[in-house]
Amino acid sequence: MVWSQVYDPLNNMWLSTLLAAVPIVVLLGAIGLLEIRAHIAAALGLLAALVIAVIGFGMPADMAAATTLYGAAYGLLPIGWIILNVIFLYRLTEEAGLFTVLRDSIASITRDRRLQLLFIAFSFGAFFEGAAGFGTPVAVTGAMLIGLGFSPLAASGLSLIANTAPVAYGALGTPVIALAAVTGLDLLELSGMIGRQLPLFSLIVPFWLIWAFAGFRGMLQVWPALLVSGLSFAVPQYLVSNFHGPWLVDVVAAISSMVCLAGFLRVWHPKTLWLATSRTEDPTVDNAPASGPRSVGAAAAARAEGGAVLRAWLPWVILSVFVFLWGVPQVRAFLDGLWIWRLPVPGLHNMVMKVPPVVAEPHAEAAVYSLNLLSATGTGILLAAIVAGLVMRYSPLALLRAYGQTFWVIRYSLLTIAAMLALGFVTRYSGTDATLGLAFAQTGWIYPLFGTLLGWLGVALTGSDTAANVLFGGLQKVTAQQLGLSPVLMAAANSSGGVMGKMIDAQSIVVASTATRWYGHEGDILRYVFFHSIALAVLVGLFVMLQAYVYPFTLLVP
């Protein structure tokens, strides 16, 4: 029997909104305030979501159970599958001793910790966001920063802060493509509108990232490099999103940022250098080449060192190639053509009806689980890890043993991710997230700000800009039309605001804690990034308000 969602079960919108917020309060309170271990906190949040859905919002219990299993399965594949295999590759490189060489090679670009952080977390991480998304960039950059000697809190929190501006175009534009599908708005118009919002923040985030790490004075000391990194990312982000489409925005922008930053650091050095344990005044003379011709022995040593650097970077180059290939739509389609199992979830598929005012017309919610093991990004990462492991001269038996050890190390993280996604799916199918969204929609003329924060809330709840766009994209369009605003503007604001919620969603925090081997400290990570998340989201909302009401910013709106 079809069940229609109810958005005001208490016949009082304020009370219904408070009721809908209970699972979020339980989850974040357990992690951030009570410091309960993440897998237990996730289970408590899921339990609260089920009670609220069934008792408070009238969702049939069998549907709620089916939704839980559906969400948990999605948490394990594709999300958990990515994390398991990225950590597997990281552990292989660490045990092979290549991370020390990698650290030294990055130090050859710059010995400054701030600029190492900038290069890896922002520029390099954006490439993985563009190619794969779904937690990959945080897992990779967090692991790399730990290998470079950053503290677990810094590696986790700063990776999350850096992984913001690229998120809207992650996984080869998947969030924008999904937004166009659910709203019926033109894909290229949406891509261009987001591309007229986020480049400003692509310029800001490098400064914000280093400010969070080094303080204001520490940031000012390296501002030229921050400007080069941000500008060389923001300009291609604008151009590609407006004149090509959403597919290659992050990939092109990330490569541009990495090349420009590396080239700039060959000719510019900060006067004050931040090292691993101290800051030394003007030590750049240490990097100057020795005068006079080098001996044959020195040249041979340099060649040997170059070979070690190549071996250290090779696993990550292999990973980049596989991740990019697995992100190409034609490759995914080919692999899905070989084998994919699509399972309509019994008792849930097309059994939940979304109704106005959340959508313009009532429609049934699909619930089809795709077991696309061949085309899953995690499978590409696993193959990359196996190839890299063989290149590093691991035997097949040693690889199998290392894989089993990796699974055991992150077992609680996998349980946590499954519970987190189950919670997000329960809130979606029960309609409690839509109740929260409707509360934001009652804000009148200030809606451009709160509509942006609605996107932030959606990502914080679901862990995905794609899911938040699917969740609230239709509501943004309908509300914008009712208020006389541009539907394209507000749909884009949902995605642009959502990227700032990426750093506080429980899934990303668990990914970060796992990648940095700091499991059990998710509350510390949440407290570290929360201010940055809400502050940046508000800034995006204020910029959207300028685009909605203030000339000449209104010229940016179609």
Protein backbone atom coordinates (compact mmCIF):
# COMPACT_ATOMS: atom_id res chain seq x y z
CA MET A 1 0.00 0.00 0.00
CA VAL A 2 1.30 3.45 -0.97
CA TRP A 3 2.03 5.80 1.94
CA SER A 4 1.97 9.58 1.52
CA GLN A 5 4.44 11.62 3.53
CA VAL A 6 3.07 13.95 6.21
CA TYR A 7 5.08 17.10 6.86
CA ASP A 8 3.16 18.53 9.81
CA PRO A 9 2.02 15.54 11.88
CA LEU A 10 1.46 17.66 15.03
CA ASN A 11 -0.63 20.28 13.20
CA ASN A 12 1.87 22.87 14.38
CA MET A 13 4.78 23.52 12.05
CA TRP A 14 7.15 24.62 14.81
CA LEU A 15 6.50 21.53 16.93
CA SER A 16 6.72 19.24 13.90
CA THR A 17 10.04 20.84 12.97
CA LEU A 18 11.40 20.26 16.48
CA LEU A 19 10.24 16.65 16.30
CA ALA A 20 11.95 16.18 12.94
CA ALA A 21 15.19 17.60 14.34
CA VAL A 22 15.43 15.03 17.17
CA PRO A 23 17.58 12.46 15.24
CA ILE A 24 20.06 15.18 14.25
CA VAL A 25 20.30 16.46 17.81
CA VAL A 26 20.83 12.91 19.10
CA LEU A 27 23.54 12.15 16.54
CA LEU A 28 25.51 15.39 16.76
CA GLY A 29 25.03 15.66 20.52
CA ALA A 30 26.32 12.13 21.06
CA ILE A 31 29.39 12.76 18.88
CA GLY A 32 30.17 16.39 19.66
CA LEU A 33 29.05 16.84 23.28
CA LEU A 34 28.99 13.41 24.93
CA GLU A 35 31.98 12.16 22.89
CA ILE A 36 30.39 8.76 22.37
CA ARG A 37 32.20 6.56 19.85
CA ALA A 38 30.96 7.18 16.35
CA HIS A 39 29.47 3.77 15.62
CA ILE A 40 27.45 3.88 18.85
CA ALA A 41 26.38 7.49 18.24
CA ALA A 42 25.30 6.55 14.72
CA ALA A 43 23.25 3.65 16.07
CA LEU A 44 21.57 5.96 18.60
CA GLY A 45 20.80 8.51 15.89
CA LEU A 46 19.38 5.79 13.65
CA LEU A 47 17.21 4.47 16.49
CA ALA A 48 15.89 7.99 17.15
CA ALA A 49 15.18 8.47 13.43
CA LEU A 50 13.21 5.21 13.29
CA VAL A 51 11.13 6.09 16.37
CA ILE A 52 10.35 9.57 15.03
CA ALA A 53 9.55 8.23 11.56
CA VAL A 54 7.20 5.47 12.73
CA ILE A 55 5.57 7.01 15.79
CA GLY A 56 5.87 10.71 15.03
CA PHE A 57 5.34 10.82 11.25
CA GLY A 58 3.30 7.66 10.76
CA MET A 59 5.64 5.81 8.44
CA PRO A 60 4.75 2.08 8.30
CA ALA A 61 7.25 0.07 10.32
CA ASP A 62 8.00 -2.36 7.48
CA MET A 63 8.84 0.57 5.19
CA ALA A 64 11.10 2.05 7.84
CA ALA A 65 12.92 -1.28 8.19
CA ALA A 66 13.33 -1.59 4.41
CA THR A 67 14.67 1.97 4.28
CA THR A 68 17.21 1.16 6.98
CA LEU A 69 18.56 -1.82 5.06
CA TYR A 70 18.60 0.18 1.82
CA GLY A 71 20.60 3.01 3.41
CA ALA A 72 23.02 0.65 5.14
CA ALA A 73 23.68 -1.19 1.87
CA TYR A 74 24.35 2.11 0.12
CA GLY A 75 26.72 3.06 2.93
CA LEU A 76 28.78 -0.07 2.35
CA LEU A 77 28.72 0.22 -1.44
CA PRO A 78 29.77 2.67 -2.78
CA ILE A 79 30.96 4.68 0.26
CA GLY A 80 32.54 2.03 2.49
CA TRP A 81 34.00 0.25 -0.55
CA ILE A 82 35.93 3.43 -1.46
CA ILE A 83 37.29 3.93 2.04
CA LEU A 84 38.37 0.32 2.49
CA ASN A 85 40.41 0.32 -0.70
CA VAL A 86 41.95 3.78 -0.30
CA ILE A 87 43.19 2.85 3.18
CA PHE A 88 44.48 -0.44 1.75
CA LEU A 89 46.62 1.46 -0.76
CA TYR A 90 47.82 3.89 1.89
CA ARG A 91 48.89 1.08 4.20
CA LEU A 92 50.78 -0.63 1.37
CA THR A 93 52.77 2.51 0.60
CA GLU A 94 53.43 3.14 4.27
CA GLU A 95 54.69 -0.39 4.93
CA ALA A 96 56.90 -0.18 1.84
CA GLY A 97 58.56 2.92 3.26
CA LEU A 98 57.52 5.10 0.34
CA PHE A 99 55.70 7.72 2.38
CA THR A 100 59.00 9.04 3.71
CA VAL A 101 60.21 9.51 0.14
CA LEU A 102 56.89 11.10 -0.80
CA ARG A 103 57.18 13.53 2.09
CA ASP A 104 60.69 14.48 1.03
CA SER A 105 59.62 14.96 -2.60
CA ILE A 106 56.88 17.36 -1.57
CA ALA A 107 59.40 19.12 0.65
CA SER A 108 61.51 19.59 -2.48
CA ILE A 109 58.66 21.66 -3.92
CA THR A 110 58.38 23.55 -0.66
CA ARG A 111 59.60 22.88 2.86
CA ASP A 112 56.87 25.12 4.26
CA ARG A 113 54.13 23.17 6.03
CA ARG A 114 51.47 25.67 5.02
CA LEU A 115 52.25 25.29 1.34
CA GLN A 116 52.48 21.51 1.57
CA LEU A 117 49.01 21.57 3.10
CA LEU A 118 47.77 23.88 0.35
CA PHE A 119 49.16 21.72 -2.43
CA ILE A 120 47.83 18.41 -1.09
CA ALA A 121 44.54 19.26 0.65
CA PHE A 122 43.26 21.92 -1.76
CA SER A 123 44.80 21.45 -5.21
CA PHE A 124 45.52 17.69 -5.20
CA GLY A 125 42.36 16.88 -3.24
CA ALA A 126 40.21 18.76 -5.76
CA PHE A 127 41.37 16.39 -8.49
CA PHE A 128 40.08 13.38 -6.55
CA GLU A 129 36.84 15.21 -5.81
CA GLY A 130 36.35 15.90 -9.49
CA ALA A 131 37.24 12.39 -10.59
CA ALA A 132 35.52 10.33 -7.89
CA GLY A 133 33.91 12.26 -5.03
CA PHE A 134 32.07 10.25 -2.36
CA GLY A 135 34.75 10.62 0.33
CA THR A 136 37.74 9.81 -1.87
CA PRO A 137 39.53 13.20 -1.56
CA VAL A 138 39.31 13.32 2.24
CA ALA A 139 40.53 9.74 2.53
CA VAL A 140 43.50 10.34 0.21
CA THR A 141 44.58 13.76 1.47
CA GLY A 142 44.05 12.86 5.12
CA ALA A 143 46.27 9.81 4.73
CA MET A 144 48.91 11.80 2.87
CA LEU A 145 48.99 14.58 5.46
CA ILE A 146 49.44 12.04 8.24
CA GLY A 147 52.33 10.60 6.26
CA LEU A 148 53.83 14.08 6.09
CA GLY A 149 53.75 14.42 9.86
CA PHE A 150 50.60 16.49 10.41
CA SER A 151 48.71 15.76 13.61
CA PRO A 152 45.58 13.61 13.26
CA LEU A 153 43.30 16.54 14.17
CA ALA A 154 44.97 18.89 11.69
CA ALA A 155 45.06 16.26 8.92
CA SER A 156 41.38 15.41 9.45
CA GLY A 157 39.95 18.88 9.97
CA LEU A 158 41.99 20.66 7.32
CA SER A 159 41.23 18.00 4.69
CA LEU A 160 37.54 18.58 5.40
CA ILE A 161 37.85 22.37 5.13
CA ALA A 162 39.75 22.11 1.85
CA ASN A 163 37.18 19.73 0.34
CA THR A 164 34.45 22.33 -0.08
CA ALA A 165 34.61 24.53 -3.18
CA PRO A 166 35.13 21.57 -5.57
CA VAL A 167 32.24 19.47 -4.18
CA ALA A 168 29.44 20.86 -6.37
CA TYR A 169 31.18 19.50 -9.48
CA GLY A 170 32.44 16.31 -7.82
CA ALA A 171 32.42 12.90 -9.48
CA LEU A 172 32.46 14.46 -12.96
CA GLY A 173 29.58 16.82 -12.25
CA THR A 174 27.21 14.30 -10.67
CA PRO A 175 25.58 16.75 -8.17
CA VAL A 176 24.71 19.24 -10.94
CA ILE A 177 23.44 16.51 -13.24
CA ALA A 178 21.20 15.19 -10.44
CA LEU A 179 19.96 18.71 -9.67
CA ALA A 180 18.94 19.23 -13.29
CA ALA A 181 17.16 15.87 -13.32
CA VAL A 182 15.01 16.54 -10.24
CA THR A 183 14.17 20.17 -11.03
CA GLY A 184 13.71 19.96 -14.79
CA LEU A 185 15.90 23.05 -15.16
CA ASP A 186 18.47 23.34 -17.93
CA LEU A 187 21.71 21.54 -17.06
CA LEU A 188 24.01 24.13 -18.61
CA GLU A 189 22.15 27.01 -16.95
CA LEU A 190 22.54 25.34 -13.56
CA SER A 191 26.20 24.56 -14.21
CA GLY A 192 26.85 28.18 -15.22
CA MET A 193 24.96 29.62 -12.24
CA ILE A 194 26.90 27.53 -9.75
CA GLY A 195 29.99 28.58 -11.67
CA ARG A 196 29.11 32.21 -10.97
CA GLN A 197 28.83 31.54 -7.24
CA LEU A 198 31.60 29.16 -6.23
CA PRO A 199 34.68 30.70 -7.93
CA LEU A 200 34.63 33.50 -5.34
CA PHE A 201 34.85 30.86 -2.61
CA SER A 202 37.44 28.87 -4.53
CA LEU A 203 39.54 32.01 -4.16
CA ILE A 204 38.67 32.38 -0.46
CA VAL A 205 39.09 28.76 0.69
CA PRO A 206 42.92 28.59 0.30
CA PHE A 207 43.23 31.69 2.52
CA TRP A 208 40.68 30.26 4.97
CA LEU A 209 42.44 26.90 5.05
CA ILE A 210 45.83 28.33 5.93
CA TRP A 211 44.28 30.78 8.39
CA ALA A 212 42.68 27.80 10.20
CA PHE A 213 46.09 26.07 10.34
CA ALA A 214 48.58 28.90 10.85
CA GLY A 215 46.59 31.87 12.11
CA PHE A 216 46.11 35.23 10.43
CA ARG A 217 49.76 36.29 10.50
CA GLY A 218 50.90 32.91 9.26
CA MET A 219 48.42 33.18 6.40
CA LEU A 220 49.59 36.68 5.39
CA GLN A 221 53.17 35.44 5.11
CA VAL A 222 52.24 33.15 2.19
CA TRP A 223 49.43 35.17 0.59
CA PRO A 224 51.01 35.25 -2.91
CA ALA A 225 50.98 31.45 -3.11
CA LEU A 226 47.41 31.34 -1.79
CA LEU A 227 46.34 33.81 -4.45
CA VAL A 228 48.02 31.81 -7.20
CA SER A 229 46.46 28.55 -5.98
CA GLY A 230 42.95 29.96 -5.61
CA LEU A 231 42.96 32.09 -8.75
CA SER A 232 44.32 29.31 -10.95
CA PHE A 233 41.46 27.13 -9.66
CA ALA A 234 38.66 29.72 -9.72
CA VAL A 235 39.21 30.97 -13.29
CA PRO A 236 39.04 27.53 -14.96
CA GLN A 237 36.13 26.64 -12.66
CA TYR A 238 34.20 29.63 -14.00
CA LEU A 239 35.19 29.13 -17.64
CA VAL A 240 34.57 25.38 -17.86
CA SER A 241 31.28 25.49 -15.90
CA ASN A 242 29.88 28.33 -18.03
CA PHE A 243 31.18 27.42 -21.48
CA HIS A 244 31.47 23.65 -21.43
CA GLY A 245 29.36 22.08 -18.67
CA PRO A 246 29.71 20.42 -15.27
CA TRP A 247 31.62 17.29 -16.26
CA LEU A 248 35.30 18.32 -16.22
CA VAL A 249 35.17 21.45 -14.06
CA ASP A 250 37.12 20.12 -11.06
CA VAL A 251 39.57 18.03 -13.07
CA VAL A 252 40.65 20.96 -15.24
CA ALA A 253 40.68 23.43 -12.34
CA ALA A 254 42.65 21.09 -10.06
CA ILE A 255 45.32 20.37 -12.68
CA SER A 256 45.60 24.10 -13.37
CA SER A 257 45.98 24.84 -9.66
CA MET A 258 48.64 22.14 -9.11
CA VAL A 259 50.72 23.18 -12.13
CA CYS A 260 50.52 26.89 -11.39
CA LEU A 261 51.29 26.47 -7.68
CA ALA A 262 54.25 24.13 -8.30
CA GLY A 263 55.64 26.49 -10.93
CA PHE A 264 55.19 29.54 -8.71
CA LEU A 265 56.97 27.87 -5.78
CA ARG A 266 60.03 27.34 -7.98
CA VAL A 267 60.55 31.11 -8.14
CA TRP A 268 59.01 32.34 -4.89
CA HIS A 269 59.62 31.35 -1.25
CA PRO A 270 58.15 32.78 1.96
CA LYS A 271 60.54 34.77 4.11
CA THR A 272 59.45 32.80 7.17
CA LEU A 273 59.46 29.05 6.76
CA TRP A 274 57.21 26.79 8.83
CA LEU A 275 58.80 23.41 9.45
CA ALA A 276 57.44 20.31 11.15
CA THR A 277 58.42 21.37 14.67
CA SER A 278 59.54 24.98 14.37
CA ARG A 279 59.67 28.06 12.20
CA THR A 280 63.06 29.28 10.99
CA GLU A 281 63.67 32.80 9.75
CA ASP A 282 64.59 32.98 6.07
CA PRO A 283 66.13 29.52 5.61
CA THR A 284 65.63 29.48 1.84
CA VAL A 285 69.36 29.52 1.33
CA ASP A 286 69.24 25.86 2.34
CA ASN A 287 67.42 25.14 -0.92
CA ALA A 288 69.97 26.88 -3.13
CA PRO A 289 71.94 24.59 -5.45
CA ALA A 290 75.59 24.05 -4.72
CA SER A 291 77.97 26.02 -6.90
CA GLY A 292 80.30 24.36 -9.39
CA PRO A 293 79.99 21.08 -11.30
CA ARG A 294 78.74 18.01 -9.51
CA SER A 295 80.84 14.92 -9.24
CA VAL A 296 79.95 11.67 -10.99
CA GLY A 297 79.00 10.20 -7.60
CA ALA A 298 76.68 13.10 -6.83
CA ALA A 299 75.01 12.78 -10.22
CA ALA A 300 74.48 9.05 -9.66
CA ALA A 301 73.03 9.75 -6.21
CA ALA A 302 70.66 12.30 -7.73
CA ARG A 303 69.50 9.77 -10.32
CA ALA A 304 68.94 7.17 -7.59
CA GLU A 305 67.01 9.71 -5.56
CA GLY A 306 64.91 10.58 -8.60
CA GLY A 307 64.08 6.90 -9.07
CA ALA A 308 62.93 6.65 -5.44
CA VAL A 309 60.73 9.71 -5.85
CA LEU A 310 59.17 8.18 -8.95
CA ARG A 311 58.44 4.95 -7.06
CA ALA A 312 56.92 6.95 -4.18
CA TRP A 313 54.56 8.89 -6.46
CA LEU A 314 53.77 5.98 -8.77
CA PRO A 315 51.05 4.40 -6.55
CA TRP A 316 49.21 7.73 -6.42
CA VAL A 317 49.63 8.28 -10.15
CA ILE A 318 48.21 4.81 -10.74
CA LEU A 319 45.34 5.64 -8.38
CA SER A 320 44.65 8.90 -10.23
CA VAL A 321 44.53 7.12 -13.59
CA PHE A 322 42.15 4.40 -12.35
CA VAL A 323 39.90 6.86 -10.50
CA PHE A 324 39.67 9.09 -13.55
CA LEU A 325 38.89 6.16 -15.86
CA TRP A 326 36.20 4.86 -13.50
CA GLY A 327 34.67 8.34 -13.45
CA VAL A 328 34.30 8.58 -17.24
CA PRO A 329 30.61 7.98 -18.08
CA GLN A 330 31.44 5.81 -21.12
CA VAL A 331 33.68 3.54 -19.04
CA ARG A 332 31.06 3.22 -16.32
CA ALA A 333 28.41 2.43 -18.91
CA PHE A 334 30.63 -0.25 -20.47
CA LEU A 335 31.30 -1.87 -17.08
CA ASP A 336 27.62 -1.72 -16.15
CA GLY A 337 26.91 -3.39 -19.48
CA LEU A 338 29.08 -6.31 -18.41
CA TRP A 339 27.31 -6.81 -15.09
CA ILE A 340 25.03 -4.86 -12.81
CA TRP A 341 22.25 -5.98 -10.49
CA ARG A 342 19.44 -3.52 -9.89
CA LEU A 343 17.15 -4.53 -7.06
CA PRO A 344 13.90 -2.62 -6.42
CA VAL A 345 13.70 -2.59 -2.62
CA PRO A 346 10.71 -4.75 -1.62
CA GLY A 347 8.06 -2.84 0.29
CA LEU A 348 9.69 0.54 -0.46
CA HIS A 349 10.17 1.11 -4.19
CA ASN A 350 7.46 3.51 -5.44
CA MET A 351 5.57 3.00 -2.17
CA VAL A 352 6.39 6.38 -0.59
CA MET A 353 4.59 9.39 -2.08
CA LYS A 354 6.08 12.89 -1.90
CA VAL A 355 3.32 15.50 -1.97
CA PRO A 356 3.04 19.30 -2.27
CA PRO A 357 4.35 21.72 -1.12
CA VAL A 358 7.65 19.83 -1.22
CA VAL A 359 7.05 18.97 -4.88
CA ALA A 360 4.83 20.60 -7.47
CA GLU A 361 2.98 17.35 -8.23
CA PRO A 362 2.74 14.18 -6.11
CA HIS A 363 5.20 11.52 -7.19
CA ALA A 364 6.38 8.18 -5.88
CA GLU A 365 9.91 7.85 -4.53
CA ALA A 366 12.01 5.24 -6.30
CA ALA A 367 14.10 2.87 -4.20
CA VAL A 368 16.34 0.77 -6.43
CA TYR A 369 19.64 -0.55 -5.08
CA SER A 370 22.28 -0.91 -7.77
CA LEU A 371 24.94 -3.50 -7.04
CA ASN A 372 27.35 -2.11 -9.63
CA LEU A 373 30.47 -3.75 -8.31
CA LEU A 374 32.39 -3.48 -11.60
CA SER A 375 31.75 0.23 -12.18
CA ALA A 376 31.96 1.28 -8.52
CA THR A 377 34.75 3.77 -7.87
CA GLY A 378 35.98 1.59 -5.02
CA THR A 379 36.64 -1.23 -7.48
CA GLY A 380 38.84 1.06 -9.56
CA ILE A 381 40.71 1.99 -6.40
CA LEU A 382 41.12 -1.68 -5.45
CA LEU A 383 42.58 -2.50 -8.86
CA ALA A 384 44.88 0.51 -8.57
CA ALA A 385 46.03 -0.72 -5.16
CA ILE A 386 46.69 -4.23 -6.49
CA VAL A 387 48.65 -2.92 -9.48
CA ALA A 388 50.58 -0.52 -7.23
CA GLY A 389 51.22 -3.32 -4.74
CA LEU A 390 52.67 -5.57 -7.45
CA VAL A 391 54.81 -2.67 -8.67
CA MET A 392 56.02 -2.27 -5.07
CA ARG A 393 56.95 -5.99 -5.21
CA TYR A 394 54.33 -7.33 -2.81
CA SER A 395 53.47 -10.97 -3.38
CA PRO A 396 49.81 -11.90 -3.96
CA LEU A 397 49.75 -13.58 -0.54
CA ALA A 398 51.17 -10.47 1.13
CA LEU A 399 48.53 -8.32 -0.60
CA LEU A 400 45.76 -10.62 0.61
CA ARG A 401 47.13 -10.53 4.16
CA ALA A 402 47.40 -6.73 4.09
CA TYR A 403 43.84 -6.45 2.80
CA GLY A 404 42.50 -8.55 5.66
CA GLN A 405 44.42 -6.43 8.16
CA THR A 406 43.00 -3.24 6.59
CA PHE A 407 39.46 -4.56 6.86
CA TRP A 408 39.98 -5.36 10.53
CA VAL A 409 41.43 -1.91 11.24
CA ILE A 410 38.44 -0.04 9.76
CA ARG A 411 35.66 -2.45 10.73
CA TYR A 412 34.02 0.05 13.11
CA SER A 413 34.24 2.79 10.50
CA LEU A 414 32.35 0.62 8.02
CA LEU A 415 29.65 -0.02 10.62
CA THR A 416 29.46 3.71 11.31
CA ILE A 417 29.12 4.65 7.65
CA ALA A 418 26.38 2.04 7.18
CA ALA A 419 24.45 3.41 10.18
CA MET A 420 24.94 7.03 9.07
CA LEU A 421 23.59 6.36 5.60
CA ALA A 422 20.70 4.34 7.03
CA LEU A 423 19.81 7.34 9.20
CA GLY A 424 19.95 9.68 6.19
CA PHE A 425 17.72 7.41 4.13
CA VAL A 426 15.17 7.10 6.95
CA THR A 427 14.91 10.89 7.26
CA ARG A 428 14.51 11.19 3.49
CA TYR A 429 11.83 8.54 2.99
CA SER A 430 9.92 9.44 6.16
CA GLY A 431 9.75 13.11 5.14
CA THR A 432 11.37 14.49 8.30
CA ASP A 433 14.07 16.21 6.25
CA ALA A 434 11.39 17.85 4.10
CA THR A 435 9.74 19.16 7.29
CA LEU A 436 13.02 20.85 8.18
CA GLY A 437 13.24 22.22 4.66
CA LEU A 438 9.73 23.67 4.81
CA ALA A 439 10.68 25.52 7.99
CA PHE A 440 13.49 27.24 6.07
CA ALA A 441 11.06 28.06 3.27
CA GLN A 442 8.90 30.20 5.58
CA THR A 443 11.50 32.96 5.81
CA GLY A 444 10.11 35.29 3.13
CA TRP A 445 12.39 37.90 1.56
CA ILE A 446 15.44 36.54 3.39
CA TYR A 447 14.88 33.14 1.79
CA PRO A 448 17.98 33.39 -0.48
CA LEU A 449 20.08 33.18 2.70
CA PHE A 450 18.04 30.44 4.34
CA GLY A 451 17.58 28.56 1.08
CA THR A 452 21.36 28.38 0.81
CA LEU A 453 21.53 27.13 4.39
CA LEU A 454 18.94 24.52 3.43
CA GLY A 455 21.47 23.09 0.99
CA TRP A 456 24.05 23.17 3.78
CA LEU A 457 21.64 21.27 6.04
CA GLY A 458 20.92 18.74 3.29
CA VAL A 459 24.57 17.84 2.86
CA ALA A 460 25.15 17.80 6.61
CA LEU A 461 22.30 15.29 6.89
CA THR A 462 22.99 13.09 3.87
CA GLY A 463 26.76 13.47 3.43
CA SER A 464 26.34 14.16 -0.27
CA ASP A 465 25.75 17.27 -2.38
CA THR A 466 24.09 14.98 -4.90
CA ALA A 467 21.68 13.64 -2.28
CA ALA A 468 20.96 17.14 -0.96
CA ASN A 469 20.15 18.34 -4.48
CA VAL A 470 17.81 15.40 -5.00
CA LEU A 471 16.29 16.02 -1.59
CA PHE A 472 15.68 19.76 -1.74
CA GLY A 473 16.11 20.72 -5.41
CA GLY A 474 12.39 20.53 -6.15
CA LEU A 475 11.52 22.45 -2.98
CA GLN A 476 13.98 25.19 -3.93
CA LYS A 477 12.39 25.54 -7.36
CA VAL A 478 8.82 25.66 -6.06
CA THR A 479 9.62 28.11 -3.26
CA ALA A 480 11.57 30.40 -5.59
CA GLN A 481 8.63 30.54 -7.99
CA GLN A 482 6.26 31.37 -5.13
CA LEU A 483 8.52 34.21 -3.93
CA GLY A 484 9.27 35.62 -7.38
CA LEU A 485 12.93 34.56 -7.31
CA SER A 486 14.90 32.83 -10.06
CA PRO A 487 14.46 29.04 -9.77
CA VAL A 488 17.91 28.59 -11.36
CA LEU A 489 19.46 30.88 -8.74
CA MET A 490 17.95 29.05 -5.77
CA ALA A 491 18.53 25.56 -7.17
CA ALA A 492 22.17 26.51 -7.71
CA ALA A 493 22.32 28.01 -4.20
CA ASN A 494 21.23 24.65 -2.82
CA SER A 495 24.33 23.05 -4.32
CA SER A 496 26.71 25.95 -3.58
CA GLY A 497 25.58 26.20 0.03
CA GLY A 498 25.64 22.45 0.34
CA VAL A 499 29.37 22.22 -0.31
CA MET A 500 30.05 23.94 3.01
CA GLY A 501 28.05 21.29 4.84
CA LYS A 502 30.38 18.61 3.50
CA MET A 503 32.92 19.20 6.25
CA ILE A 504 30.47 18.48 9.10
CA ASP A 505 28.48 15.55 7.77
CA ALA A 506 29.03 12.50 9.89
CA GLN A 507 30.05 10.32 6.96
CA SER A 508 32.91 12.64 5.97
CA ILE A 509 34.08 12.97 9.57
CA VAL A 510 34.23 9.18 9.91
CA VAL A 511 36.13 8.95 6.62
CA ALA A 512 38.61 11.55 7.91
CA SER A 513 39.06 9.84 11.27
CA THR A 514 39.62 6.50 9.55
CA ALA A 515 42.09 7.86 7.00
CA THR A 516 44.12 9.52 9.76
CA ARG A 517 43.87 6.51 12.08
CA TRP A 518 42.17 8.65 14.72
CA TYR A 519 39.01 6.64 15.10
CA GLY A 520 37.04 7.51 18.25
CA HIS A 521 37.85 11.24 18.05
CA GLU A 522 35.04 12.23 15.69
CA GLY A 523 33.72 14.70 18.27
CA ASP A 524 37.04 16.56 18.29
CA ILE A 525 36.97 16.78 14.49
CA LEU A 526 33.36 18.02 14.48
CA ARG A 527 34.14 20.77 16.98
CA TYR A 528 37.23 21.75 14.99
CA VAL A 529 35.36 22.28 11.70
CA PHE A 530 31.87 23.36 12.79
CA PHE A 531 32.54 27.12 12.97
CA HIS A 532 34.28 27.06 9.59
CA SER A 533 31.35 25.21 8.05
CA ILE A 534 28.59 27.52 9.26
CA ALA A 535 30.60 30.70 8.67
CA LEU A 536 31.37 29.81 5.06
CA ALA A 537 27.77 28.69 4.45
CA VAL A 538 26.47 32.05 5.71
CA LEU A 539 28.92 33.86 3.43
CA VAL A 540 27.60 31.88 0.46
CA GLY A 541 24.05 32.76 1.52
CA LEU A 542 24.86 36.45 1.73
CA PHE A 543 26.41 36.34 -1.75
CA VAL A 544 23.26 34.64 -3.09
CA MET A 545 21.19 37.44 -1.53
CA LEU A 546 23.31 39.96 -3.43
CA GLN A 547 22.63 38.02 -6.63
CA ALA A 548 18.91 38.00 -5.87
CA TYR A 549 18.43 41.68 -5.01
CA VAL A 550 21.44 43.95 -5.55
CA TYR A 551 22.68 45.42 -8.83
CA PRO A 552 25.12 44.60 -10.50
CA PHE A 553 25.14 41.11 -8.92
CA THR A 554 21.67 40.52 -10.36
CA LEU A 555 23.27 40.57 -13.82
CA LEU A 556 24.80 37.19 -12.95
CA VAL A 557 21.34 35.59 -12.70
CA PRO A 558 19.68 34.22 -15.88
